C-alpha atoms as a PDB file:
ATOM      1  CA  MET A   1     -25.298  41.140  -3.041  1.00  0.00           C
ATOM      2  CA  GLN A   2     -22.870  38.271  -2.872  1.00  0.00           C
ATOM      3  CA  MET A   3     -23.990  34.693  -2.737  1.00  0.00           C
ATOM      4  CA  GLY A   4     -22.783  32.782   0.304  1.00  0.00           C
ATOM      5  CA  ILE A   5     -22.699  29.073   1.027  1.00  0.00           C
ATOM      6  CA  GLN A   6     -25.347  27.019  -0.797  1.00  0.00           C
ATOM      7  CA  GLY A   7     -26.664  30.027  -2.738  1.00  0.00           C
ATOM      8  CA  GLN A   8     -27.735  32.050   0.325  1.00  0.00           C
ATOM      9  CA  LYS A   9     -27.460  35.784   0.145  1.00  0.00           C
ATOM     10  CA  ASP A  10     -24.621  37.154   2.264  1.00  0.00           C
ATOM     11  CA  VAL A  11     -26.173  40.082   4.099  1.00  0.00           C
ATOM     12  CA  GLY A  12     -23.415  41.709   6.122  1.00  0.00           C
ATOM     13  CA  PRO A  13     -23.422  45.129   7.653  1.00  0.00           C
ATOM     14  CA  ALA A  14     -22.974  47.921   5.150  1.00  0.00           C
ATOM     15  CA  ILE A  15     -19.900  50.040   5.804  1.00  0.00           C
ATOM     16  CA  SER A  16     -20.071  53.671   4.812  1.00  0.00           C
ATOM     17  CA  ALA A  17     -17.409  55.183   2.581  1.00  0.00           C
ATOM     18  CA  GLU A  18     -16.333  57.386   5.499  1.00  0.00           C
ATOM     19  CA  GLU A  19     -15.887  54.357   7.742  1.00  0.00           C
ATOM     20  CA  GLN A  20     -13.951  52.492   5.033  1.00  0.00           C
ATOM     21  CA  ALA A  21     -11.618  55.480   4.644  1.00  0.00           C
ATOM     22  CA  ARG A  22     -11.067  55.622   8.418  1.00  0.00           C
ATOM     23  CA  VAL A  23     -10.251  51.907   8.614  1.00  0.00           C
ATOM     24  CA  THR A  24      -7.917  52.141   5.611  1.00  0.00           C
ATOM     25  CA  ARG A  25      -6.114  55.114   7.141  1.00  0.00           C
ATOM     26  CA  ALA A  26      -5.897  53.363  10.528  1.00  0.00           C
ATOM     27  CA  ALA A  27      -4.377  50.268   8.894  1.00  0.00           C
ATOM     28  CA  ARG A  28      -1.750  52.391   7.117  1.00  0.00           C
ATOM     29  CA  GLN A  29      -1.046  54.243  10.345  1.00  0.00           C
ATOM     30  CA  VAL A  30      -0.517  51.022  12.339  1.00  0.00           C
ATOM     31  CA  VAL A  31       2.048  49.832   9.786  1.00  0.00           C
ATOM     32  CA  ALA A  32       3.744  53.243   9.661  1.00  0.00           C
ATOM     33  CA  TYR A  33       3.925  53.513  13.479  1.00  0.00           C
ATOM     34  CA  ALA A  34       5.406  50.002  13.719  1.00  0.00           C
ATOM     35  CA  ASN A  35       7.990  50.777  11.030  1.00  0.00           C
ATOM     36  CA  PHE A  36       8.806  54.098  12.687  1.00  0.00           C
ATOM     37  CA  LEU A  37       9.365  52.348  16.033  1.00  0.00           C
ATOM     38  CA  ARG A  38      11.578  49.781  14.321  1.00  0.00           C
ATOM     39  CA  TRP A  39      13.536  52.644  12.724  1.00  0.00           C
ATOM     40  CA  THR A  40      14.024  54.445  16.048  1.00  0.00           C
ATOM     41  CA  ALA A  41      15.248  51.212  17.692  1.00  0.00           C
ATOM     42  CA  ASN A  42      18.387  51.470  15.535  1.00  0.00           C
ATOM     43  CA  PHE A  43      19.524  54.627  17.317  1.00  0.00           C
ATOM     44  CA  LYS A  44      20.591  55.460  20.867  1.00  0.00           C
ATOM     45  CA  ARG A  45      17.844  56.159  23.360  1.00  0.00           C
ATOM     46  CA  ASP A  46      18.470  59.919  23.405  1.00  0.00           C
ATOM     47  CA  GLU A  47      18.238  60.271  19.605  1.00  0.00           C
ATOM     48  CA  VAL A  48      14.440  60.718  19.743  1.00  0.00           C
ATOM     49  CA  LEU A  49      13.249  63.066  22.464  1.00  0.00           C
ATOM     50  CA  ARG A  50       9.834  64.367  23.458  1.00  0.00           C
ATOM     51  CA  HIS A  51       9.233  68.052  22.858  1.00  0.00           C
ATOM     52  CA  PRO A  52       9.457  69.898  26.188  1.00  0.00           C
ATOM     53  CA  ARG A  53       6.053  71.540  25.598  1.00  0.00           C
ATOM     54  CA  HIS A  54       4.061  68.597  24.196  1.00  0.00           C
ATOM     55  CA  GLU A  55       4.325  64.852  24.785  1.00  0.00           C
ATOM     56  CA  ARG A  56       3.016  63.871  21.316  1.00  0.00           C
ATOM     57  CA  VAL A  57       5.766  65.754  19.480  1.00  0.00           C
ATOM     58  CA  MET A  58       8.940  63.752  18.923  1.00  0.00           C
ATOM     59  CA  LEU A  59      12.184  65.533  18.073  1.00  0.00           C
ATOM     60  CA  LEU A  60      14.652  63.725  15.842  1.00  0.00           C
ATOM     61  CA  SER A  61      18.298  64.330  16.672  1.00  0.00           C
ATOM     62  CA  PRO A  62      20.590  66.151  14.235  1.00  0.00           C
ATOM     63  CA  MET A  63      22.130  62.749  13.371  1.00  0.00           C
ATOM     64  CA  GLN A  64      18.760  61.201  12.496  1.00  0.00           C
ATOM     65  CA  SER A  65      17.635  64.367  10.739  1.00  0.00           C
ATOM     66  CA  GLY A  66      20.788  64.223   8.627  1.00  0.00           C
ATOM     67  CA  ARG A  67      19.359  61.140   6.914  1.00  0.00           C
ATOM     68  CA  PHE A  68      16.814  63.416   5.162  1.00  0.00           C
ATOM     69  CA  SER A  69      17.559  65.798   2.305  1.00  0.00           C
ATOM     70  CA  PHE A  70      15.556  68.781   1.099  1.00  0.00           C
ATOM     71  CA  ALA A  71      14.822  70.558  -2.177  1.00  0.00           C
ATOM     72  CA  LEU A  72      12.334  73.303  -2.951  1.00  0.00           C
ATOM     73  CA  GLU A  73      10.735  73.318  -6.390  1.00  0.00           C
ATOM     74  CA  GLY A  74       7.850  75.659  -7.098  1.00  0.00           C
ATOM     75  CA  ASP A  75       5.450  75.483  -4.161  1.00  0.00           C
ATOM     76  CA  THR A  76       6.563  71.987  -3.062  1.00  0.00           C
ATOM     77  CA  LEU A  77       9.214  71.112  -0.501  1.00  0.00           C
ATOM     78  CA  TYR A  78      10.645  67.706  -1.405  1.00  0.00           C
ATOM     79  CA  VAL A  79      11.998  65.697   1.500  1.00  0.00           C
ATOM     80  CA  GLY A  80      14.422  63.041   0.337  1.00  0.00           C
ATOM     81  CA  VAL A  81      14.079  59.705   2.120  1.00  0.00           C
ATOM     82  CA  GLN A  82      16.440  56.785   1.860  1.00  0.00           C
ATOM     83  CA  PRO A  83      14.935  53.262   1.763  1.00  0.00           C
ATOM     84  CA  PHE A  84      15.275  52.807   5.538  1.00  0.00           C
ATOM     85  CA  GLU A  85      13.191  55.954   6.211  1.00  0.00           C
ATOM     86  CA  ALA A  86      10.820  55.403   3.303  1.00  0.00           C
ATOM     87  CA  ALA A  87       9.555  52.254   5.052  1.00  0.00           C
ATOM     88  CA  TRP A  88       7.607  54.432   7.470  1.00  0.00           C
ATOM     89  CA  ALA A  89       7.544  57.898   5.859  1.00  0.00           C
ATOM     90  CA  ALA A  90       5.870  56.745   2.633  1.00  0.00           C
ATOM     91  CA  CYS A  91       2.884  55.181   4.400  1.00  0.00           C
ATOM     92  CA  MET A  92       2.479  57.548   7.376  1.00  0.00           C
ATOM     93  CA  PRO A  93      -0.756  59.478   6.726  1.00  0.00           C
ATOM     94  CA  PHE A  94       0.618  62.917   7.620  1.00  0.00           C
ATOM     95  CA  GLN A  95      -2.044  65.636   7.481  1.00  0.00           C
ATOM     96  CA  ALA A  96       0.038  68.767   8.011  1.00  0.00           C
ATOM     97  CA  ALA A  97       3.533  70.204   8.022  1.00  0.00           C
ATOM     98  CA  TYR A  98       4.818  73.232   9.928  1.00  0.00           C
ATOM     99  CA  VAL A  99       8.102  75.101   9.963  1.00  0.00           C
ATOM    100  CA  SER A 100       9.267  76.941  13.067  1.00  0.00           C
ATOM    101  CA  ASP A 101      12.473  75.882  14.827  1.00  0.00           C
ATOM    102  CA  ARG A 102      12.340  72.614  12.787  1.00  0.00           C
ATOM    103  CA  LEU A 103      10.296  71.002  10.031  1.00  0.00           C
ATOM    104  CA  TYR A 104       7.374  69.282  11.751  1.00  0.00           C
ATOM    105  CA  LEU A 105       5.154  66.639  10.173  1.00  0.00           C
ATOM    106  CA  SER A 106       1.906  65.767  11.963  1.00  0.00           C
ATOM    107  CA  VAL A 107      -0.478  62.852  11.815  1.00  0.00           C
ATOM    108  CA  GLU A 108      -3.798  62.921  13.659  1.00  0.00           C
ATOM    109  CA  GLY A 109      -4.924  60.217  16.027  1.00  0.00           C
ATOM    110  CA  VAL A 110      -7.389  57.641  14.755  1.00  0.00           C
ATOM    111  CA  SER A 111      -9.720  55.071  16.303  1.00  0.00           C
ATOM    112  CA  PHE A 112      -8.812  51.516  15.448  1.00  0.00           C
ATOM    113  CA  MET A 113     -10.931  48.602  16.618  1.00  0.00           C
ATOM    114  CA  ASP A 114     -11.517  49.277  20.343  1.00  0.00           C
ATOM    115  CA  ALA A 115      -8.449  51.474  20.780  1.00  0.00           C
ATOM    116  CA  ARG A 116      -7.214  54.859  19.700  1.00  0.00           C
ATOM    117  CA  MET A 117      -3.847  55.504  18.092  1.00  0.00           C
ATOM    118  CA  PRO A 118      -2.629  58.832  19.391  1.00  0.00           C
ATOM    119  CA  PRO A 119      -1.568  61.742  17.225  1.00  0.00           C
ATOM    120  CA  LEU A 120       2.120  62.073  16.471  1.00  0.00           C
ATOM    121  CA  SER A 121       4.267  64.929  15.220  1.00  0.00           C
ATOM    122  CA  LEU A 122       7.880  64.520  14.161  1.00  0.00           C
ATOM    123  CA  GLY A 123      10.372  67.358  14.296  1.00  0.00           C
ATOM    124  CA  ILE A 124      13.202  67.111  11.773  1.00  0.00           C
ATOM    125  CA  PHE A 125      16.173  69.282  12.728  1.00  0.00           C
ATOM    126  CA  VAL A 126      17.168  71.873  10.107  1.00  0.00           C
ATOM    127  CA  ASP A 127      20.438  73.587  10.949  1.00  0.00           C
ATOM    128  CA  GLU A 128      19.968  77.053   9.449  1.00  0.00           C
ATOM    129  CA  SER A 129      17.200  79.603   9.892  1.00  0.00           C
ATOM    130  CA  SER A 130      17.612  80.664   6.244  1.00  0.00           C
ATOM    131  CA  LYS A 131      16.791  77.094   5.123  1.00  0.00           C
ATOM    132  CA  ARG A 132      13.747  77.024   7.387  1.00  0.00           C
ATOM    133  CA  ALA A 133      12.582  80.367   5.959  1.00  0.00           C
ATOM    134  CA  LEU A 134      12.755  78.921   2.427  1.00  0.00           C
ATOM    135  CA  MET A 135      10.940  75.759   3.537  1.00  0.00           C
ATOM    136  CA  ALA A 136       8.151  77.807   5.114  1.00  0.00           C
ATOM    137  CA  ARG A 137       7.329  79.298   1.684  1.00  0.00           C
ATOM    138  CA  ALA A 138       6.180  75.905   0.392  1.00  0.00           C
ATOM    139  CA  LYS A 139       2.494  75.028   0.200  1.00  0.00           C
ATOM    140  CA  PHE A 140       3.105  71.270   0.195  1.00  0.00           C
ATOM    141  CA  VAL A 141       5.647  68.752   1.443  1.00  0.00           C
ATOM    142  CA  ARG A 142       6.293  65.625  -0.585  1.00  0.00           C
ATOM    143  CA  PHE A 143       8.576  62.688   0.176  1.00  0.00           C
ATOM    144  CA  VAL A 144      10.810  61.464  -2.632  1.00  0.00           C
ATOM    145  CA  HIS A 145      13.088  58.421  -2.808  1.00  0.00           C
ATOM    146  CA  VAL A 146      16.796  59.255  -2.859  1.00  0.00           C
ATOM    147  CA  SER A 147      20.071  57.339  -2.963  1.00  0.00           C
ATOM    148  CA  VAL A 148      22.966  58.696  -0.928  1.00  0.00           C
ATOM    149  CA  ARG A 149      26.678  57.940  -1.114  1.00  0.00           C
ATOM    150  CA  ASP A 150      29.332  59.478   1.141  1.00  0.00           C
ATOM    151  CA  GLY A 151      26.816  62.003   2.467  1.00  0.00           C
ATOM    152  CA  TYR A 152      25.685  63.266  -0.940  1.00  0.00           C
ATOM    153  CA  VAL A 153      22.471  62.601  -2.837  1.00  0.00           C
ATOM    154  CA  ILE A 154      23.494  60.735  -5.983  1.00  0.00           C
ATOM    155  CA  ASP A 155      20.068  59.820  -7.350  1.00  0.00           C
ATOM    156  CA  VAL A 156      16.536  61.161  -6.967  1.00  0.00           C
ATOM    157  CA  GLY A 157      13.731  58.710  -7.600  1.00  0.00           C
ATOM    158  CA  GLU A 158       9.959  58.879  -7.622  1.00  0.00           C
ATOM    159  CA  PRO A 159       7.784  60.656  -5.056  1.00  0.00           C
ATOM    160  CA  CYS A 160       6.318  58.432  -2.365  1.00  0.00           C
ATOM    161  CA  GLY A 161       3.365  58.958  -0.081  1.00  0.00           C
ATOM    162  CA  GLU A 162       0.786  61.681  -0.453  1.00  0.00           C
ATOM    163  CA  PRO A 163       1.488  65.432  -0.545  1.00  0.00           C
ATOM    164  CA  VAL A 164       1.200  67.060   2.880  1.00  0.00           C
ATOM    165  CA  GLU A 165      -0.263  70.543   3.297  1.00  0.00           C
ATOM    166  CA  MET A 166       2.096  73.139   4.780  1.00  0.00           C
ATOM    167  CA  ARG A 167       0.343  75.184   7.445  1.00  0.00           C
ATOM    168  CA  PRO A 168       1.476  78.387   9.120  1.00  0.00           C
ATOM    169  CA  GLY A 169       2.185  78.542  12.823  1.00  0.00           C
ATOM    170  CA  ASP A 170       3.746  76.445  15.515  1.00  0.00           C
ATOM    171  CA  VAL A 171       2.913  72.732  15.747  1.00  0.00           C
ATOM    172  CA  VAL A 172       2.678  72.743  19.555  1.00  0.00           C
ATOM    173  CA  GLN A 173       0.216  75.654  19.548  1.00  0.00           C
ATOM    174  CA  GLN A 174      -1.840  73.930  16.835  1.00  0.00           C
ATOM    175  CA  LEU A 175      -1.987  70.677  18.828  1.00  0.00           C
ATOM    176  CA  GLN A 176      -2.978  72.533  21.998  1.00  0.00           C
ATOM    177  CA  GLN A 177      -5.700  74.483  20.164  1.00  0.00           C
ATOM    178  CA  THR A 178      -7.052  71.279  18.594  1.00  0.00           C
ATOM    179  CA  GLN A 179      -7.154  69.589  22.002  1.00  0.00           C
ATOM    180  CA  GLN A 180      -8.934  72.578  23.584  1.00  0.00           C
ATOM    181  CA  ALA A 181     -11.506  72.601  20.773  1.00  0.00           C
ATOM    182  CA  LYS A 182     -12.208  68.883  21.295  1.00  0.00           C
ATOM    183  CA  VAL A 183     -12.660  69.399  25.037  1.00  0.00           C
ATOM    184  CA  GLN A 184     -15.050  72.305  24.424  1.00  0.00           C
ATOM    185  CA  GLN A 185     -17.001  70.241  21.890  1.00  0.00           C
ATOM    186  CA  GLN A 186     -17.320  67.364  24.382  1.00  0.00           C
ATOM    187  CA  ASP A 187     -18.421  69.803  27.087  1.00  0.00           C
ATOM    188  CA  MET A 188     -21.048  71.324  24.782  1.00  0.00           C
ATOM    189  CA  GLY A 189     -22.217  67.842  23.789  1.00  0.00           C
ATOM    190  CA  ARG A 190     -23.118  67.114  27.397  1.00  0.00           C
ATOM    191  CA  PHE A 191     -25.776  69.814  27.328  1.00  0.00           C
ATOM    192  CA  PHE A 192     -27.623  68.373  24.313  1.00  0.00           C
END
């Protein structure tokens, strides 16, 4: 116990490790969302579009997607991020990646204070199906700092952020299944 003013014991509420992890993740997510919004404000309005089948999936335009680079090494897909993208990508607590018509990175929603930050999935355009097929073989996605000059990667730096698990399937179907499971769980909870 810590000693407070005039030697009194400071008896505050104990916070579980699970709750501390949730608050830490929520704090990172707030910063990442704010930096992502700041990043998107530098592009035309139609450069980030909602997926036609799910409102929480944002599709980056080919121009924005061109700011990312890719390399596959072993079972890890490295996604190169320049400093401007690293500001949000390195701290976004992505939980899963999917490859279908694009590379999708997903972060789950989280409760924060008296509000809830919604889930978000980002679709990075990849121009060739053969590239997407190679990407889909990876087990993990990892961001890495890169320097680019005249459209070419000239330097690869250190990894940033945590590895993200690659999952099979379509991100929209996964989000819909997760939402249906939550609704069913809430419905079952009403009976008990």
